[in-house]
Amino acid sequence: MGATGIEREKMYRAYCEFFDTGEKKRRWNPFSDVPWEKLNTSLNSEEDAICLETFCGVELYVPDYTSNAFNLTRHLFGAAWFEATWGYEESKHALIYREYLIRSGLRSEEEYQRFEDKVLGKVWTLPYATRRQMNCYGALQESATYLIYAQQRDKAKQNGNELLEQIYFLVSRDEAAHRGFYQRIMQFELEEDREGALEDLALVVFNFQMPGVGLIPEYEDRLEVAGVGITPQYFLQHAVFPLLKTLGTSRNELMKYYRRVREREEKARMTKAVEMADIPTAMAV
């Protein structure tokens, strides 16, 4: 899907602002900008380990995320360079989770390596085919991730774990910035083609899954551990509905566009079924 000259310029300016703010306010070093001297192993639990390990596993797919994203965005400077910066920031999240797991003793080097091998034995692929659909997905996924990390940050604070609280603070702040960029791009998309953008958003909202589904080892079992995920209702209340409000739409309007998408899909399915039914006759002739 192409972009108009105005949209390209908007994306470029949005990226410049995102990058400039990040350089001034969000840059951090996993080794020197967190209080590793406050590591207290007595505060850790297996629940913490499973959460950190799962989050790290999702971040390990950064090579897949970025390579697929570049294929969709390489013709748009603002969008493509955002993906490059995004990949850098997400790579730090994987790094700091790994460091905490090992330094805290929650996982040994050998245990972590076995987990990493399992994760990298699978490949993440795009859940949607177009750049606009993936923008919708990015906004929702980053919102969900922010909410999960923010809950972990608050839990660490309540438990008196200053190190883990700071880690989750830095990571969740990055995720909030990523969410903001995707939302801004979606606003541009709505200005260019409101109906098409809302159809894509409806498609993604009603079929949304986190990237770890089907990839992270024992993912369904991990979701039973408090803190690994959030409930569908929490996701709706704190991710989907705020996004709709930001974009100037509503749940009812989204339902209207989703019904339109479903009707078009059903029509295409019926057409294909008719065409397949005609194949034997055509071959006989």
Protein backbone atom coordinates (compact mmCIF):
# COMPACT_ATOMS: atom_id res chain seq x y z
CA MET A 1 0.00 0.00 0.00
CA GLY A 2 1.47 3.30 -1.09
CA ALA A 3 1.49 6.59 0.76
CA THR A 4 0.83 10.10 -0.47
CA GLY A 5 3.50 12.78 -0.36
CA ILE A 6 1.71 14.46 2.55
CA GLU A 7 1.52 11.20 4.49
CA ARG A 8 5.19 10.46 3.83
CA GLU A 9 6.15 13.89 5.19
CA LYS A 10 3.94 13.40 8.25
CA MET A 11 5.59 10.04 8.96
CA TYR A 12 9.03 11.57 8.57
CA ARG A 13 8.22 14.37 11.01
CA ALA A 14 6.62 11.93 13.44
CA TYR A 15 9.74 9.77 13.39
CA CYS A 16 12.05 12.76 13.90
CA GLU A 17 10.03 13.78 16.94
CA PHE A 18 10.00 10.21 18.27
CA PHE A 19 13.75 9.88 17.78
CA ASP A 20 14.60 13.28 19.26
CA THR A 21 12.48 12.65 22.36
CA GLY A 22 14.00 9.22 22.77
CA GLU A 23 17.55 10.53 22.56
CA LYS A 24 16.84 13.26 25.11
CA LYS A 25 14.64 11.42 27.60
CA ARG A 26 14.60 7.65 27.16
CA ARG A 27 18.06 6.36 26.35
CA TRP A 28 19.37 3.93 28.97
CA ASN A 29 22.10 1.35 29.36
CA PRO A 30 21.15 -2.11 30.69
CA PHE A 31 24.47 -2.40 32.51
CA SER A 32 24.94 1.05 34.03
CA ASP A 33 21.50 2.66 34.34
CA VAL A 34 19.85 0.20 36.69
CA PRO A 35 20.87 -0.39 40.33
CA TRP A 36 22.39 -3.86 40.01
CA GLU A 37 24.00 -3.36 43.43
CA LYS A 38 20.49 -3.61 44.89
CA LEU A 39 19.93 -7.12 43.58
CA ASN A 40 18.26 -9.06 46.42
CA THR A 41 17.75 -12.71 45.55
CA SER A 42 15.53 -13.25 48.60
CA LEU A 43 12.84 -11.15 46.90
CA ASN A 44 12.64 -13.38 43.83
CA SER A 45 10.16 -16.16 43.12
CA GLU A 46 9.56 -18.75 40.42
CA GLU A 47 6.61 -16.60 39.35
CA ASP A 48 9.06 -13.77 38.67
CA ALA A 49 11.27 -16.16 36.72
CA ILE A 50 8.46 -17.39 34.48
CA CYS A 51 7.34 -13.83 33.77
CA LEU A 52 10.84 -12.61 32.94
CA GLU A 53 11.65 -15.69 30.89
CA THR A 54 8.42 -15.37 28.88
CA PHE A 55 8.98 -11.66 28.24
CA CYS A 56 12.54 -12.36 27.18
CA GLY A 57 11.36 -15.09 24.83
CA VAL A 58 8.97 -12.74 23.06
CA GLU A 59 11.75 -10.16 22.67
CA LEU A 60 14.08 -12.76 21.15
CA TYR A 61 12.04 -12.59 17.96
CA VAL A 62 13.30 -9.06 17.26
CA PRO A 63 15.19 -10.27 14.13
CA ASP A 64 11.92 -11.68 12.75
CA TYR A 65 9.88 -8.63 13.73
CA THR A 66 12.27 -6.16 12.15
CA SER A 67 13.05 -8.10 8.97
CA ASN A 68 9.34 -8.50 8.23
CA ALA A 69 8.66 -4.86 9.09
CA PHE A 70 11.41 -3.62 6.80
CA ASN A 71 9.84 -5.51 3.90
CA LEU A 72 6.65 -3.49 4.44
CA THR A 73 8.19 -0.09 5.20
CA ARG A 74 11.52 0.23 3.36
CA HIS A 75 10.03 2.76 0.89
CA LEU A 76 8.96 5.10 3.72
CA PHE A 77 11.84 6.70 5.59
CA GLY A 78 9.88 7.60 8.73
CA ALA A 79 8.23 4.21 9.04
CA ALA A 80 11.35 2.18 8.23
CA TRP A 81 13.68 4.12 10.50
CA PHE A 82 11.16 3.82 13.31
CA GLU A 83 11.36 0.04 12.91
CA ALA A 84 15.16 0.25 13.14
CA THR A 85 14.98 2.29 16.35
CA TRP A 86 12.20 0.09 17.69
CA GLY A 87 14.32 -3.01 17.13
CA TYR A 88 17.25 -1.45 18.99
CA GLU A 89 15.08 -0.54 21.95
CA GLU A 90 13.38 -3.94 22.08
CA SER A 91 16.75 -5.68 21.91
CA LYS A 92 17.69 -3.96 25.17
CA HIS A 93 14.58 -5.38 26.79
CA ALA A 94 15.65 -8.92 25.92
CA LEU A 95 19.16 -8.16 27.15
CA ILE A 96 18.14 -6.82 30.54
CA TYR A 97 15.66 -9.64 31.16
CA ARG A 98 18.36 -12.18 30.37
CA GLU A 99 20.83 -10.43 32.66
CA TYR A 100 18.37 -10.39 35.54
CA LEU A 101 17.47 -14.06 35.11
CA ILE A 102 21.13 -15.10 35.20
CA ARG A 103 22.47 -12.65 37.79
CA SER A 104 19.64 -13.37 40.19
CA GLY A 105 20.08 -17.13 39.91
CA LEU A 106 16.50 -17.58 38.76
CA ARG A 107 17.92 -19.42 35.77
CA SER A 108 21.34 -20.92 35.21
CA GLU A 109 23.26 -20.25 32.01
CA GLU A 110 22.45 -23.78 30.83
CA GLU A 111 18.73 -23.46 31.63
CA TYR A 112 18.48 -20.16 29.85
CA GLN A 113 20.36 -21.45 26.81
CA ARG A 114 17.99 -24.40 26.48
CA PHE A 115 15.05 -22.02 26.62
CA GLU A 116 16.59 -19.71 24.02
CA ASP A 117 17.28 -22.63 21.70
CA LYS A 118 13.62 -23.66 21.89
CA VAL A 119 12.44 -20.13 21.19
CA LEU A 120 14.74 -19.57 18.23
CA GLY A 121 13.77 -22.95 16.82
CA LYS A 122 10.58 -21.29 15.59
CA VAL A 123 10.09 -18.31 13.31
CA TRP A 124 7.63 -15.45 13.75
CA THR A 125 5.72 -14.42 10.64
CA LEU A 126 3.47 -11.45 9.92
CA PRO A 127 -0.07 -11.94 11.25
CA TYR A 128 -1.34 -9.40 8.68
CA ALA A 129 -0.30 -8.63 5.13
CA THR A 130 -0.33 -4.84 4.84
CA ARG A 131 1.55 -2.00 6.49
CA ARG A 132 -1.66 -0.36 7.67
CA GLN A 133 -2.92 -3.56 9.27
CA MET A 134 0.42 -4.03 10.99
CA ASN A 135 0.26 -0.45 12.28
CA CYS A 136 -3.07 -1.36 13.89
CA TYR A 137 -1.51 -4.50 15.32
CA GLY A 138 1.50 -2.59 16.61
CA ALA A 139 -0.65 -0.07 18.45
CA LEU A 140 -2.61 -2.82 20.20
CA GLN A 141 0.37 -5.05 20.91
CA GLU A 142 2.41 -2.22 22.39
CA SER A 143 -0.57 -1.17 24.51
CA ALA A 144 -0.93 -4.70 25.88
CA THR A 145 2.79 -5.01 26.54
CA TYR A 146 2.87 -1.66 28.34
CA LEU A 147 -0.01 -2.72 30.58
CA ILE A 148 1.69 -6.01 31.44
CA TYR A 149 5.02 -4.37 32.28
CA ALA A 150 3.34 -1.57 34.24
CA GLN A 151 1.63 -4.16 36.42
CA GLN A 152 4.97 -5.89 36.96
CA ARG A 153 6.55 -2.54 37.87
CA ASP A 154 3.88 -1.89 40.49
CA LYS A 155 4.21 -5.42 41.87
CA ALA A 156 8.00 -5.04 42.19
CA LYS A 157 7.50 -1.75 44.03
CA GLN A 158 5.05 -3.33 46.46
CA ASN A 159 7.53 -6.15 47.10
CA GLY A 160 10.37 -3.72 47.75
CA ASN A 161 12.37 -4.97 44.74
CA GLU A 162 13.99 -1.68 43.66
CA LEU A 163 16.07 -3.26 40.91
CA LEU A 164 13.18 -5.03 39.23
CA GLU A 165 10.98 -1.97 39.65
CA GLN A 166 13.52 0.17 37.78
CA ILE A 167 13.89 -2.42 35.02
CA TYR A 168 10.16 -2.55 34.42
CA PHE A 169 9.93 1.23 34.62
CA LEU A 170 12.47 1.70 31.83
CA VAL A 171 11.00 -1.02 29.64
CA SER A 172 7.38 0.07 30.11
CA ARG A 173 8.34 3.67 29.30
CA ASP A 174 9.76 2.48 25.97
CA GLU A 175 6.59 0.53 25.23
CA ALA A 176 4.44 3.58 25.95
CA ALA A 177 6.51 5.59 23.45
CA HIS A 178 6.15 2.84 20.82
CA ARG A 179 2.40 2.77 21.37
CA GLY A 180 2.24 6.52 20.92
CA PHE A 181 4.08 6.40 17.59
CA TYR A 182 1.83 3.68 16.17
CA GLN A 183 -1.25 5.59 17.27
CA ARG A 184 0.00 8.71 15.57
CA ILE A 185 0.58 6.83 12.31
CA MET A 186 -2.92 5.40 12.57
CA GLN A 187 -4.28 8.93 12.84
CA PHE A 188 -2.50 9.74 9.57
CA GLU A 189 -4.03 6.64 7.99
CA LEU A 190 -7.51 7.71 9.09
CA GLU A 191 -7.01 11.14 7.55
CA GLU A 192 -6.03 9.52 4.25
CA ASP A 193 -8.67 6.77 4.09
CA ARG A 194 -10.98 6.62 7.09
CA GLU A 195 -13.16 3.73 5.92
CA GLY A 196 -10.25 1.55 4.84
CA ALA A 197 -8.32 2.27 8.04
CA LEU A 198 -11.31 1.44 10.24
CA GLU A 199 -11.89 -1.79 8.34
CA ASP A 200 -8.28 -2.78 9.01
CA LEU A 201 -8.53 -1.78 12.66
CA ALA A 202 -11.72 -3.80 13.06
CA LEU A 203 -10.10 -6.83 11.46
CA VAL A 204 -7.13 -6.63 13.83
CA VAL A 205 -9.12 -5.89 17.00
CA PHE A 206 -11.45 -8.84 16.55
CA ASN A 207 -8.64 -11.26 15.68
CA PHE A 208 -5.89 -9.99 17.97
CA GLN A 209 -3.35 -12.36 19.51
CA MET A 210 -0.11 -11.61 21.29
CA PRO A 211 3.04 -12.57 19.31
CA GLY A 212 4.00 -15.31 21.77
CA VAL A 213 1.00 -17.48 20.88
CA GLY A 214 2.18 -20.68 19.23
CA LEU A 215 5.86 -19.74 19.59
CA ILE A 216 6.94 -19.48 23.23
CA PRO A 217 7.38 -22.93 24.85
CA GLU A 218 4.41 -23.89 27.06
CA TYR A 219 2.84 -20.50 26.36
CA GLU A 220 -0.67 -21.47 27.44
CA ASP A 221 0.64 -22.86 30.72
CA ARG A 222 2.67 -19.70 31.28
CA LEU A 223 -0.48 -17.60 30.94
CA GLU A 224 -1.77 -19.31 34.07
CA VAL A 225 1.00 -17.58 36.03
CA ALA A 226 -0.07 -14.21 37.41
CA GLY A 227 1.55 -11.35 35.54
CA VAL A 228 2.45 -13.07 32.29
CA GLY A 229 -0.60 -11.65 30.56
CA ILE A 230 -3.74 -9.60 31.08
CA THR A 231 -7.37 -10.61 30.84
CA PRO A 232 -9.40 -9.90 27.68
CA GLN A 233 -11.63 -7.55 29.65
CA TYR A 234 -8.64 -5.60 30.98
CA PHE A 235 -7.27 -5.41 27.45
CA LEU A 236 -10.55 -4.00 26.18
CA GLN A 237 -10.92 -1.46 28.96
CA HIS A 238 -7.33 -0.23 29.06
CA ALA A 239 -6.04 -0.78 25.51
CA VAL A 240 -8.82 -1.03 22.91
CA PHE A 241 -11.30 1.54 24.24
CA PRO A 242 -8.65 4.24 24.90
CA LEU A 243 -7.29 3.66 21.37
CA LEU A 244 -10.75 4.10 19.86
CA LYS A 245 -11.20 7.32 21.81
CA THR A 246 -7.81 8.63 20.64
CA LEU A 247 -8.73 7.88 17.04
CA GLY A 248 -12.15 9.52 17.30
CA THR A 249 -14.19 6.38 16.73
CA SER A 250 -16.35 4.08 18.84
CA ARG A 251 -17.09 0.46 19.54
CA ASN A 252 -20.35 0.66 17.57
CA GLU A 253 -18.63 2.16 14.54
CA LEU A 254 -15.93 -0.49 14.70
CA MET A 255 -18.58 -3.22 14.80
CA LYS A 256 -20.14 -1.73 11.66
CA TYR A 257 -16.85 -1.96 9.79
CA TYR A 258 -16.13 -5.44 11.09
CA ARG A 259 -19.49 -6.64 9.74
CA ARG A 260 -18.50 -5.14 6.40
CA VAL A 261 -15.19 -7.03 6.48
CA ARG A 262 -16.94 -10.29 7.35
CA GLU A 263 -19.47 -9.83 4.57
CA ARG A 264 -16.72 -9.24 2.04
CA GLU A 265 -14.80 -12.30 3.28
CA GLU A 266 -17.93 -14.44 3.05
CA LYS A 267 -18.62 -13.23 -0.47
CA ALA A 268 -15.07 -14.08 -1.50
CA ARG A 269 -15.39 -17.52 0.09
CA MET A 270 -18.65 -18.24 -1.73
CA THR A 271 -17.17 -17.07 -5.03
CA LYS A 272 -14.20 -19.36 -4.58
CA ALA A 273 -16.47 -22.27 -3.69
CA VAL A 274 -18.47 -21.76 -6.88
CA GLU A 275 -15.31 -21.53 -8.94
CA MET A 276 -13.97 -24.76 -7.41
CA ALA A 277 -17.28 -26.50 -8.08
CA ASP A 278 -17.02 -25.55 -11.75
CA ILE A 279 -13.55 -27.03 -12.20
CA PRO A 280 -14.63 -30.66 -12.93
CA THR A 281 -17.11 -29.44 -15.59
CA ALA A 282 -14.51 -27.26 -17.22
CA MET A 283 -12.01 -30.12 -17.23
CA ALA A 284 -14.56 -32.46 -18.75
CA VAL A 285 -15.20 -30.04 -21.61
